[in-house]
């Protein structure tokens, strides 16, 4: 358990991809990583951006062919909705913080 007086935090960085077009399977995968990290004593776990409801790497949103449209439909169907309360919280606290960094 995390102690505010502790000077060390054990963290785990997960380097993995989503199960594309399958949010429930991605959640199962995330749970396995979280359990493994906890067993190793991690107090903080970081996943890749958009791990849940993520976009396939190299995905071409400009592909208007039948295959591209089907891929877009699958991607849209597996996306997650961010509740308004969470979006407003991020807008207020997280997004302004990012503006001070240049990526």
PDB file of N, CA and C in Angstrom:
ATOM      1  N   UNK A   1       0.835  -1.184   0.000  1.00  0.00           N
ATOM      2  CA  UNK A   1       0.000   0.000   0.000  1.00  0.00           C
ATOM      3  C   UNK A   1       0.881   1.249   0.000  1.00  0.00           C
ATOM      4  N   UNK A   2       0.430   2.282  -0.666  1.00  0.00           N
ATOM      5  CA  UNK A   2       1.183   3.528  -0.777  1.00  0.00           C
ATOM      6  C   UNK A   2       1.157   4.284   0.540  1.00  0.00           C
ATOM      7  N   UNK A   3       2.309   4.753   0.944  1.00  0.00           N
ATOM      8  CA  UNK A   3       2.421   5.574   2.138  1.00  0.00           C
ATOM      9  C   UNK A   3       2.922   6.950   1.729  1.00  0.00           C
ATOM     10  N   UNK A   4       2.241   8.039   2.146  1.00  0.00           N
ATOM     11  CA  UNK A   4       2.703   9.370   1.762  1.00  0.00           C
ATOM     12  C   UNK A   4       4.089   9.689   2.300  1.00  0.00           C
ATOM     13  N   UNK A   5       4.547   8.958   3.299  1.00  0.00           N
ATOM     14  CA  UNK A   5       5.863   9.208   3.878  1.00  0.00           C
ATOM     15  C   UNK A   5       6.956   8.431   3.143  1.00  0.00           C
ATOM     16  N   UNK A   6       6.560   7.531   2.270  1.00  0.00           N
ATOM     17  CA  UNK A   6       7.525   6.717   1.542  1.00  0.00           C
ATOM     18  C   UNK A   6       8.212   7.561   0.473  1.00  0.00           C
ATOM     19  N   UNK A   7       9.499   7.327   0.274  1.00  0.00           N
ATOM     20  CA  UNK A   7      10.223   8.070  -0.751  1.00  0.00           C
ATOM     21  C   UNK A   7      10.323   7.288  -2.058  1.00  0.00           C
ATOM     22  N   UNK A   8       9.822   6.070  -2.060  1.00  0.00           N
ATOM     23  CA  UNK A   8       9.893   5.232  -3.243  1.00  0.00           C
ATOM     24  C   UNK A   8       8.502   4.721  -3.604  1.00  0.00           C
ATOM     25  N   UNK A   9       8.209   4.780  -4.889  1.00  0.00           N
ATOM     26  CA  UNK A   9       6.957   4.226  -5.407  1.00  0.00           C
ATOM     27  C   UNK A   9       7.337   3.202  -6.464  1.00  0.00           C
ATOM     28  N   UNK A  10       6.801   2.018  -6.351  1.00  0.00           N
ATOM     29  CA  UNK A  10       7.062   0.987  -7.356  1.00  0.00           C
ATOM     30  C   UNK A  10       6.029   1.143  -8.460  1.00  0.00           C
ATOM     31  N   UNK A  11       6.497   1.348  -9.678  1.00  0.00           N
ATOM     32  CA  UNK A  11       5.615   1.572 -10.825  1.00  0.00           C
ATOM     33  C   UNK A  11       5.854   0.505 -11.885  1.00  0.00           C
ATOM     34  N   UNK A  12       4.806   0.252 -12.642  1.00  0.00           N
ATOM     35  CA  UNK A  12       4.884  -0.666 -13.771  1.00  0.00           C
ATOM     36  C   UNK A  12       4.411   0.070 -15.012  1.00  0.00           C
ATOM     37  N   UNK A  13       5.181  -0.045 -16.080  1.00  0.00           N
ATOM     38  CA  UNK A  13       4.791   0.516 -17.369  1.00  0.00           C
ATOM     39  C   UNK A  13       4.425  -0.655 -18.273  1.00  0.00           C
ATOM     40  N   UNK A  14       3.179  -0.682 -18.706  1.00  0.00           N
ATOM     41  CA  UNK A  14       2.699  -1.749 -19.576  1.00  0.00           C
ATOM     42  C   UNK A  14       2.959  -1.347 -21.018  1.00  0.00           C
ATOM     43  N   UNK A  15       3.679  -2.187 -21.736  1.00  0.00           N
ATOM     44  CA  UNK A  15       3.911  -1.970 -23.164  1.00  0.00           C
ATOM     45  C   UNK A  15       3.179  -3.079 -23.906  1.00  0.00           C
ATOM     46  N   UNK A  16       1.934  -2.789 -24.252  1.00  0.00           N
ATOM     47  CA  UNK A  16       1.091  -3.778 -24.914  1.00  0.00           C
ATOM     48  C   UNK A  16       0.073  -3.053 -25.779  1.00  0.00           C
ATOM     49  N   UNK A  17      -0.522  -3.786 -26.673  1.00  0.00           N
ATOM     50  CA  UNK A  17      -1.553  -3.200 -27.526  1.00  0.00           C
ATOM     51  C   UNK A  17      -2.926  -3.690 -27.083  1.00  0.00           C
ATOM     52  N   UNK A  18      -3.935  -2.962 -27.506  1.00  0.00           N
ATOM     53  CA  UNK A  18      -5.315  -3.355 -27.273  1.00  0.00           C
ATOM     54  C   UNK A  18      -5.624  -4.608 -28.073  1.00  0.00           C
ATOM     55  N   UNK A  19      -6.745  -5.256 -27.727  1.00  0.00           N
ATOM     56  CA  UNK A  19      -7.302  -6.289 -28.602  1.00  0.00           C
ATOM     57  C   UNK A  19      -8.229  -5.511 -29.529  1.00  0.00           C
ATOM     58  N   UNK A  20      -7.760  -5.252 -30.728  1.00  0.00           N
ATOM     59  CA  UNK A  20      -8.463  -4.341 -31.616  1.00  0.00           C
ATOM     60  C   UNK A  20      -9.903  -4.773 -31.864  1.00  0.00           C
ATOM     61  N   UNK A  21     -10.781  -3.798 -31.803  1.00  0.00           N
ATOM     62  CA  UNK A  21     -12.210  -3.962 -32.039  1.00  0.00           C
ATOM     63  C   UNK A  21     -12.891  -4.829 -30.983  1.00  0.00           C
ATOM     64  N   UNK A  22     -12.253  -5.041 -29.836  1.00  0.00           N
ATOM     65  CA  UNK A  22     -12.852  -5.893 -28.812  1.00  0.00           C
ATOM     66  C   UNK A  22     -12.569  -5.315 -27.426  1.00  0.00           C
ATOM     67  N   UNK A  23     -13.392  -4.344 -27.033  1.00  0.00           N
ATOM     68  CA  UNK A  23     -13.184  -3.672 -25.743  1.00  0.00           C
ATOM     69  C   UNK A  23     -13.286  -4.637 -24.559  1.00  0.00           C
ATOM     70  N   UNK A  24     -14.267  -5.553 -24.504  1.00  0.00           N
ATOM     71  CA  UNK A  24     -14.303  -6.487 -23.367  1.00  0.00           C
ATOM     72  C   UNK A  24     -13.024  -7.321 -23.241  1.00  0.00           C
ATOM     73  N   UNK A  25     -12.481  -7.785 -24.367  1.00  0.00           N
ATOM     74  CA  UNK A  25     -11.236  -8.558 -24.314  1.00  0.00           C
ATOM     75  C   UNK A  25     -10.070  -7.673 -23.881  1.00  0.00           C
ATOM     76  N   UNK A  26     -10.075  -6.407 -24.281  1.00  0.00           N
ATOM     77  CA  UNK A  26      -9.033  -5.472 -23.856  1.00  0.00           C
ATOM     78  C   UNK A  26      -9.111  -5.243 -22.354  1.00  0.00           C
ATOM     79  N   UNK A  27     -10.324  -5.128 -21.819  1.00  0.00           N
ATOM     80  CA  UNK A  27     -10.481  -4.962 -20.373  1.00  0.00           C
ATOM     81  C   UNK A  27      -9.967  -6.196 -19.624  1.00  0.00           C
ATOM     82  N   UNK A  28     -10.240  -7.381 -20.163  1.00  0.00           N
ATOM     83  CA  UNK A  28      -9.709  -8.608 -19.553  1.00  0.00           C
ATOM     84  C   UNK A  28      -8.180  -8.602 -19.573  1.00  0.00           C
ATOM     85  N   UNK A  29      -7.618  -8.153 -20.686  1.00  0.00           N
ATOM     86  CA  UNK A  29      -6.160  -8.086 -20.823  1.00  0.00           C
ATOM     87  C   UNK A  29      -5.584  -7.090 -19.810  1.00  0.00           C
ATOM     88  N   UNK A  30      -6.231  -5.931 -19.681  1.00  0.00           N
ATOM     89  CA  UNK A  30      -5.770  -4.928 -18.713  1.00  0.00           C
ATOM     90  C   UNK A  30      -5.828  -5.485 -17.297  1.00  0.00           C
ATOM     91  N   UNK A  31      -6.897  -6.203 -16.989  1.00  0.00           N
ATOM     92  CA  UNK A  31      -7.030  -6.789 -15.650  1.00  0.00           C
ATOM     93  C   UNK A  31      -5.900  -7.772 -15.355  1.00  0.00           C
ATOM     94  N   UNK A  32      -5.519  -8.572 -16.348  1.00  0.00           N
ATOM     95  CA  UNK A  32      -4.400  -9.507 -16.145  1.00  0.00           C
ATOM     96  C   UNK A  32      -3.103  -8.743 -15.844  1.00  0.00           C
ATOM     97  N   UNK A  33      -2.853  -7.660 -16.605  1.00  0.00           N
ATOM     98  CA  UNK A  33      -1.649  -6.856 -16.350  1.00  0.00           C
ATOM     99  C   UNK A  33      -1.691  -6.216 -14.967  1.00  0.00           C
ATOM    100  N   UNK A  34      -2.862  -5.710 -14.575  1.00  0.00           N
ATOM    101  CA  UNK A  34      -2.992  -5.073 -13.262  1.00  0.00           C
ATOM    102  C   UNK A  34      -2.759  -6.074 -12.127  1.00  0.00           C
ATOM    103  N   UNK A  35      -3.308  -7.270 -12.268  1.00  0.00           N
ATOM    104  CA  UNK A  35      -3.101  -8.301 -11.237  1.00  0.00           C
ATOM    105  C   UNK A  35      -1.633  -8.688 -11.144  1.00  0.00           C
ATOM    106  N   UNK A  36      -0.995  -8.853 -12.297  1.00  0.00           N
ATOM    107  CA  UNK A  36       0.429  -9.204 -12.307  1.00  0.00           C
ATOM    108  C   UNK A  36       1.263  -8.102 -11.661  1.00  0.00           C
ATOM    109  N   UNK A  37       0.956  -6.859 -11.999  1.00  0.00           N
ATOM    110  CA  UNK A  37       1.696  -5.734 -11.414  1.00  0.00           C
ATOM    111  C   UNK A  37       1.501  -5.689  -9.903  1.00  0.00           C
ATOM    112  N   UNK A  38       0.274  -5.926  -9.449  1.00  0.00           N
ATOM    113  CA  UNK A  38       0.003  -5.917  -8.005  1.00  0.00           C
ATOM    114  C   UNK A  38       0.779  -7.034  -7.308  1.00  0.00           C
ATOM    115  N   UNK A  39       0.842  -8.200  -7.941  1.00  0.00           N
ATOM    116  CA  UNK A  39       1.592  -9.326  -7.363  1.00  0.00           C
ATOM    117  C   UNK A  39       3.076  -8.995  -7.244  1.00  0.00           C
ATOM    118  N   UNK A  40       3.572  -8.132  -8.126  1.00  0.00           N
ATOM    119  CA  UNK A  40       4.975  -7.717  -8.085  1.00  0.00           C
ATOM    120  C   UNK A  40       5.203  -6.541  -7.140  1.00  0.00           C
ATOM    121  N   UNK A  41       4.120  -6.058  -6.517  1.00  0.00           N
ATOM    122  CA  UNK A  41       4.244  -4.967  -5.558  1.00  0.00           C
ATOM    123  C   UNK A  41       4.106  -3.572  -6.148  1.00  0.00           C
ATOM    124  N   UNK A  42       3.623  -3.473  -7.368  1.00  0.00           N
ATOM    125  CA  UNK A  42       3.469  -2.149  -7.982  1.00  0.00           C
ATOM    126  C   UNK A  42       2.373  -1.361  -7.294  1.00  0.00           C
ATOM    127  N   UNK A  43       2.627  -0.067  -7.171  1.00  0.00           N
ATOM    128  CA  UNK A  43       1.667   0.853  -6.577  1.00  0.00           C
ATOM    129  C   UNK A  43       1.052   1.766  -7.623  1.00  0.00           C
ATOM    130  N   UNK A  44       1.646   1.781  -8.807  1.00  0.00           N
ATOM    131  CA  UNK A  44       1.223   2.674  -9.879  1.00  0.00           C
ATOM    132  C   UNK A  44       1.448   1.952 -11.195  1.00  0.00           C
ATOM    133  N   UNK A  45       0.425   1.883 -12.047  1.00  0.00           N
ATOM    134  CA  UNK A  45       0.524   1.181 -13.319  1.00  0.00           C
ATOM    135  C   UNK A  45       0.122   2.133 -14.439  1.00  0.00           C
ATOM    136  N   UNK A  46       0.951   2.199 -15.483  1.00  0.00           N
ATOM    137  CA  UNK A  46       0.704   3.084 -16.613  1.00  0.00           C
ATOM    138  C   UNK A  46       0.494   2.231 -17.865  1.00  0.00           C
ATOM    139  N   UNK A  47      -0.587   2.538 -18.595  1.00  0.00           N
ATOM    140  CA  UNK A  47      -0.890   1.861 -19.849  1.00  0.00           C
ATOM    141  C   UNK A  47      -0.675   2.835 -21.004  1.00  0.00           C
ATOM    142  N   UNK A  48      -0.530   2.312 -22.219  1.00  0.00           N
ATOM    143  CA  UNK A  48      -0.399   3.202 -23.383  1.00  0.00           C
ATOM    144  C   UNK A  48      -1.647   4.071 -23.562  1.00  0.00           C
ATOM    145  N   UNK A  49      -1.427   5.207 -24.178  1.00  0.00           N
ATOM    146  CA  UNK A  49      -2.535   6.107 -24.494  1.00  0.00           C
ATOM    147  C   UNK A  49      -3.579   5.351 -25.309  1.00  0.00           C
ATOM    148  N   UNK A  50      -4.839   5.537 -24.973  1.00  0.00           N
ATOM    149  CA  UNK A  50      -5.975   4.929 -25.687  1.00  0.00           C
ATOM    150  C   UNK A  50      -5.907   3.411 -25.697  1.00  0.00           C
ATOM    151  N   UNK A  51      -5.354   2.810 -24.642  1.00  0.00           N
ATOM    152  CA  UNK A  51      -5.287   1.348 -24.562  1.00  0.00           C
ATOM    153  C   UNK A  51      -6.686   0.745 -24.597  1.00  0.00           C
ATOM    154  N   UNK A  52      -7.600   1.331 -23.840  1.00  0.00           N
ATOM    155  CA  UNK A  52      -8.984   0.861 -23.835  1.00  0.00           C
ATOM    156  C   UNK A  52      -9.762   1.706 -24.835  1.00  0.00           C
ATOM    157  N   UNK A  53     -10.402   1.039 -25.765  1.00  0.00           N
ATOM    158  CA  UNK A  53     -11.107   1.769 -26.823  1.00  0.00           C
ATOM    159  C   UNK A  53     -10.146   2.419 -27.789  1.00  0.00           C
ATOM    160  N   UNK A  54      -8.966   1.842 -27.901  1.00  0.00           N
ATOM    161  CA  UNK A  54      -7.892   2.468 -28.665  1.00  0.00           C
ATOM    162  C   UNK A  54      -8.016   2.357 -30.159  1.00  0.00           C
ATOM    163  N   UNK A  55      -7.123   3.033 -30.828  1.00  0.00           N
ATOM    164  CA  UNK A  55      -7.074   3.036 -32.282  1.00  0.00           C
ATOM    165  C   UNK A  55      -5.941   2.124 -32.731  1.00  0.00           C
ATOM    166  N   UNK A  56      -6.193   1.279 -33.718  1.00  0.00           N
ATOM    167  CA  UNK A  56      -5.105   0.452 -34.245  1.00  0.00           C
ATOM    168  C   UNK A  56      -3.979   1.329 -34.783  1.00  0.00           C
ATOM    169  N   UNK A  57      -2.768   0.993 -34.434  1.00  0.00           N
ATOM    170  CA  UNK A  57      -1.608   1.765 -34.883  1.00  0.00           C
ATOM    171  C   UNK A  57      -1.561   1.788 -36.407  1.00  0.00           C
ATOM    172  N   UNK A  58      -1.332   2.968 -36.954  1.00  0.00           N
ATOM    173  CA  UNK A  58      -1.243   3.122 -38.386  1.00  0.00           C
ATOM    174  C   UNK A  58      -2.586   3.128 -39.087  1.00  0.00           C
ATOM    175  N   UNK A  59      -3.652   3.219 -38.316  1.00  0.00           N
ATOM    176  CA  UNK A  59      -5.000   3.189 -38.892  1.00  0.00           C
ATOM    177  C   UNK A  59      -5.193   4.379 -39.814  1.00  0.00           C
ATOM    178  N   UNK A  60      -5.733   4.139 -40.999  1.00  0.00           N
ATOM    179  CA  UNK A  60      -5.935   5.182 -42.000  1.00  0.00           C
ATOM    180  C   UNK A  60      -7.393   5.614 -41.996  1.00  0.00           C
ATOM    181  N   UNK A  61      -7.694   6.730 -41.345  1.00  0.00           N
ATOM    182  CA  UNK A  61      -9.067   7.211 -41.267  1.00  0.00           C
ATOM    183  C   UNK A  61      -9.554   7.782 -42.596  1.00  0.00           C
ATOM    184  N   UNK A  62      -8.659   7.970 -43.548  1.00  0.00           N
ATOM    185  CA  UNK A  62      -9.045   8.530 -44.842  1.00  0.00           C
ATOM    186  C   UNK A  62      -9.395   7.439 -45.856  1.00  0.00           C
ATOM    187  N   UNK A  63      -9.324   6.183 -45.469  1.00  0.00           N
ATOM    188  CA  UNK A  63      -9.625   5.077 -46.377  1.00  0.00           C
ATOM    189  C   UNK A  63     -11.138   4.938 -46.520  1.00  0.00           C
ATOM    190  N   UNK A  64     -11.667   5.348 -47.667  1.00  0.00           N
ATOM    191  CA  UNK A  64     -13.113   5.318 -47.903  1.00  0.00           C
ATOM    192  C   UNK A  64     -13.542   4.109 -48.730  1.00  0.00           C
ATOM    193  N   UNK A  65     -12.667   3.149 -48.873  1.00  0.00           N
ATOM    194  CA  UNK A  65     -13.023   1.921 -49.581  1.00  0.00           C
ATOM    195  C   UNK A  65     -13.985   1.115 -48.712  1.00  0.00           C
ATOM    196  N   UNK A  66     -14.652   0.112 -49.263  1.00  0.00           N
ATOM    197  CA  UNK A  66     -15.529  -0.728 -48.430  1.00  0.00           C
ATOM    198  C   UNK A  66     -14.793  -1.342 -47.242  1.00  0.00           C
ATOM    199  N   UNK A  67     -13.556  -1.781 -47.466  1.00  0.00           N
ATOM    200  CA  UNK A  67     -12.766  -2.350 -46.363  1.00  0.00           C
ATOM    201  C   UNK A  67     -12.471  -1.293 -45.296  1.00  0.00           C
ATOM    202  N   UNK A  68     -12.117  -0.081 -45.741  1.00  0.00           N
ATOM    203  CA  UNK A  68     -11.834   1.002 -44.806  1.00  0.00           C
ATOM    204  C   UNK A  68     -13.065   1.410 -44.018  1.00  0.00           C
ATOM    205  N   UNK A  69     -14.213   1.439 -44.704  1.00  0.00           N
ATOM    206  CA  UNK A  69     -15.453   1.792 -44.013  1.00  0.00           C
ATOM    207  C   UNK A  69     -15.821   0.740 -42.968  1.00  0.00           C
ATOM    208  N   UNK A  70     -15.584  -0.529 -43.276  1.00  0.00           N
ATOM    209  CA  UNK A  70     -15.867  -1.599 -42.310  1.00  0.00           C
ATOM    210  C   UNK A  70     -14.922  -1.499 -41.118  1.00  0.00           C
ATOM    211  N   UNK A  71     -13.652  -1.196 -41.372  1.00  0.00           N
ATOM    212  CA  UNK A  71     -12.700  -1.015 -40.270  1.00  0.00           C
ATOM    213  C   UNK A  71     -13.113   0.155 -39.387  1.00  0.00           C
ATOM    214  N   UNK A  72     -13.547   1.243 -40.013  1.00  0.00           N
ATOM    215  CA  UNK A  72     -13.995   2.399 -39.245  1.00  0.00           C
ATOM    216  C   UNK A  72     -15.218   2.038 -38.405  1.00  0.00           C
ATOM    217  N   UNK A  73     -16.156   1.283 -38.971  1.00  0.00           N
ATOM    218  CA  UNK A  73     -17.348   0.874 -38.238  1.00  0.00           C
ATOM    219  C   UNK A  73     -16.972   0.036 -37.017  1.00  0.00           C
ATOM    220  N   UNK A  74     -16.043  -0.913 -37.206  1.00  0.00           N
ATOM    221  CA  UNK A  74     -15.598  -1.753 -36.086  1.00  0.00           C
ATOM    222  C   UNK A  74     -14.911  -0.905 -35.017  1.00  0.00           C
ATOM    223  N   UNK A  75     -14.066   0.026 -35.454  1.00  0.00           N
ATOM    224  CA  UNK A  75     -13.357   0.881 -34.504  1.00  0.00           C
ATOM    225  C   UNK A  75     -14.348   1.738 -33.719  1.00  0.00           C
ATOM    226  N   UNK A  76     -15.324   2.300 -34.409  1.00  0.00           N
ATOM    227  CA  UNK A  76     -16.337   3.128 -33.749  1.00  0.00           C
ATOM    228  C   UNK A  76     -17.145   2.293 -32.756  1.00  0.00           C
ATOM    229  N   UNK A  77     -17.502   1.079 -33.138  1.00  0.00           N
ATOM    230  CA  UNK A  77     -18.297   0.213 -32.263  1.00  0.00           C
ATOM    231  C   UNK A  77     -17.542  -0.193 -31.000  1.00  0.00           C
ATOM    232  N   UNK A  78     -16.213  -0.248 -31.068  1.00  0.00           N
ATOM    233  CA  UNK A  78     -15.428  -0.660 -29.900  1.00  0.00           C
ATOM    234  C   UNK A  78     -14.951   0.515 -29.069  1.00  0.00           C
ATOM    235  N   UNK A  79     -15.248   1.729 -29.504  1.00  0.00           N
ATOM    236  CA  UNK A  79     -14.845   2.920 -28.742  1.00  0.00           C
ATOM    237  C   UNK A  79     -15.623   2.983 -27.430  1.00  0.00           C
ATOM    238  N   UNK A  80     -15.080   3.704 -26.493  1.00  0.00           N
ATOM    239  CA  UNK A  80     -15.764   3.876 -25.210  1.00  0.00           C
ATOM    240  C   UNK A  80     -16.262   5.311 -25.090  1.00  0.00           C
ATOM    241  N   UNK A  81     -17.324   5.479 -24.366  1.00  0.00           N
ATOM    242  CA  UNK A  81     -17.845   6.819 -24.085  1.00  0.00           C
ATOM    243  C   UNK A  81     -17.215   7.326 -22.799  1.00  0.00           C
ATOM    244  N   UNK A  82     -16.764   8.552 -22.824  1.00  0.00           N
ATOM    245  CA  UNK A  82     -16.221   9.182 -21.629  1.00  0.00           C
ATOM    246  C   UNK A  82     -17.345  10.012 -21.022  1.00  0.00           C
ATOM    247  N   UNK A  83     -17.789   9.663 -19.810  1.00  0.00           N
ATOM    248  CA  UNK A  83     -18.879  10.430 -19.196  1.00  0.00           C
ATOM    249  C   UNK A  83     -18.536  11.914 -19.087  1.00  0.00           C
ATOM    250  N   UNK A  84     -19.548  12.740 -19.212  1.00  0.00           N
ATOM    251  CA  UNK A  84     -19.357  14.188 -19.210  1.00  0.00           C
ATOM    252  C   UNK A  84     -18.593  14.649 -17.969  1.00  0.00           C
ATOM    253  N   UNK A  85     -18.886  14.063 -16.823  1.00  0.00           N
ATOM    254  CA  UNK A  85     -18.221  14.460 -15.568  1.00  0.00           C
ATOM    255  C   UNK A  85     -16.702  14.270 -15.676  1.00  0.00           C
ATOM    256  N   UNK A  86     -16.292  13.144 -16.250  1.00  0.00           N
ATOM    257  CA  UNK A  86     -14.862  12.877 -16.404  1.00  0.00           C
ATOM    258  C   UNK A  86     -14.260  13.835 -17.424  1.00  0.00           C
ATOM    259  N   UNK A  87     -14.957  14.059 -18.534  1.00  0.00           N
ATOM    260  CA  UNK A  87     -14.453  14.980 -19.553  1.00  0.00           C
ATOM    261  C   UNK A  87     -14.269  16.378 -18.971  1.00  0.00           C
ATOM    262  N   UNK A  88     -15.245  16.850 -18.188  1.00  0.00           N
ATOM    263  CA  UNK A  88     -15.134  18.183 -17.589  1.00  0.00           C
ATOM    264  C   UNK A  88     -13.971  18.252 -16.604  1.00  0.00           C
ATOM    265  N   UNK A  89     -13.768  17.181 -15.842  1.00  0.00           N
ATOM    266  CA  UNK A  89     -12.637  17.132 -14.919  1.00  0.00           C
ATOM    267  C   UNK A  89     -11.320  17.235 -15.690  1.00  0.00           C
ATOM    268  N   UNK A  90     -11.192  16.434 -16.758  1.00  0.00           N
ATOM    269  CA  UNK A  90      -9.969  16.472 -17.560  1.00  0.00           C
ATOM    270  C   UNK A  90      -9.771  17.833 -18.202  1.00  0.00           C
ATOM    271  N   UNK A  91     -10.865  18.426 -18.667  1.00  0.00           N
ATOM    272  CA  UNK A  91     -10.785  19.748 -19.284  1.00  0.00           C
ATOM    273  C   UNK A  91     -10.250  20.787 -18.312  1.00  0.00           C
ATOM    274  N   UNK A  92     -10.669  20.659 -17.073  1.00  0.00           N
ATOM    275  CA  UNK A  92     -10.285  21.660 -16.068  1.00  0.00           C
ATOM    276  C   UNK A  92      -8.871  21.450 -15.539  1.00  0.00           C
ATOM    277  N   UNK A  93      -8.485  20.187 -15.301  1.00  0.00           N
ATOM    278  CA  UNK A  93      -7.224  19.925 -14.619  1.00  0.00           C
ATOM    279  C   UNK A  93      -6.126  19.333 -15.500  1.00  0.00           C
ATOM    280  N   UNK A  94      -6.490  18.433 -16.389  1.00  0.00           N
ATOM    281  CA  UNK A  94      -5.469  17.707 -17.128  1.00  0.00           C
ATOM    282  C   UNK A  94      -5.056  18.404 -18.414  1.00  0.00           C
ATOM    283  N   UNK A  95      -6.005  18.797 -19.236  1.00  0.00           N
ATOM    284  CA  UNK A  95      -5.674  19.391 -20.524  1.00  0.00           C
ATOM    285  C   UNK A  95      -4.842  20.676 -20.394  1.00  0.00           C
ATOM    286  N   UNK A  96      -5.170  21.594 -19.480  1.00  0.00           N
ATOM    287  CA  UNK A  96      -4.309  22.789 -19.343  1.00  0.00           C
ATOM    288  C   UNK A  96      -2.877  22.425 -18.965  1.00  0.00           C
ATOM    289  N   UNK A  97      -2.708  21.358 -18.168  1.00  0.00           N
ATOM    290  CA  UNK A  97      -1.383  20.906 -17.771  1.00  0.00           C
ATOM    291  C   UNK A  97      -0.569  20.499 -18.995  1.00  0.00           C
ATOM    292  N   UNK A  98      -1.211  19.851 -19.964  1.00  0.00           N
ATOM    293  CA  UNK A  98      -0.500  19.407 -21.154  1.00  0.00           C
ATOM    294  C   UNK A  98      -0.001  20.551 -22.014  1.00  0.00           C
ATOM    295  N   UNK A  99      -0.637  21.706 -21.948  1.00  0.00           N
ATOM    296  CA  UNK A  99      -0.257  22.839 -22.791  1.00  0.00           C
ATOM    297  C   UNK A  99       1.142  23.359 -22.486  1.00  0.00           C
ATOM    298  N   UNK A 100       1.642  23.059 -21.294  1.00  0.00           N
ATOM    299  CA  UNK A 100       2.963  23.565 -20.935  1.00  0.00           C
ATOM    300  C   UNK A 100       4.072  22.656 -21.482  1.00  0.00           C
ATOM    301  N   UNK A 101       3.697  21.572 -22.147  1.00  0.00           N
ATOM    302  CA  UNK A 101       4.680  20.660 -22.731  1.00  0.00           C
ATOM    303  C   UNK A 101       4.595  20.692 -24.238  1.00  0.00           C
ATOM    304  N   UNK A 102       5.715  20.522 -24.890  1.00  0.00           N
ATOM    305  CA  UNK A 102       5.757  20.466 -26.345  1.00  0.00           C
ATOM    306  C   UNK A 102       6.071  19.021 -26.728  1.00  0.00           C
ATOM    307  N   UNK A 103       5.176  18.399 -27.444  1.00  0.00           N
ATOM    308  CA  UNK A 103       5.385  17.002 -27.848  1.00  0.00           C
ATOM    309  C   UNK A 103       5.888  16.931 -29.259  1.00  0.00           C
TER     310      UNK A 103
END
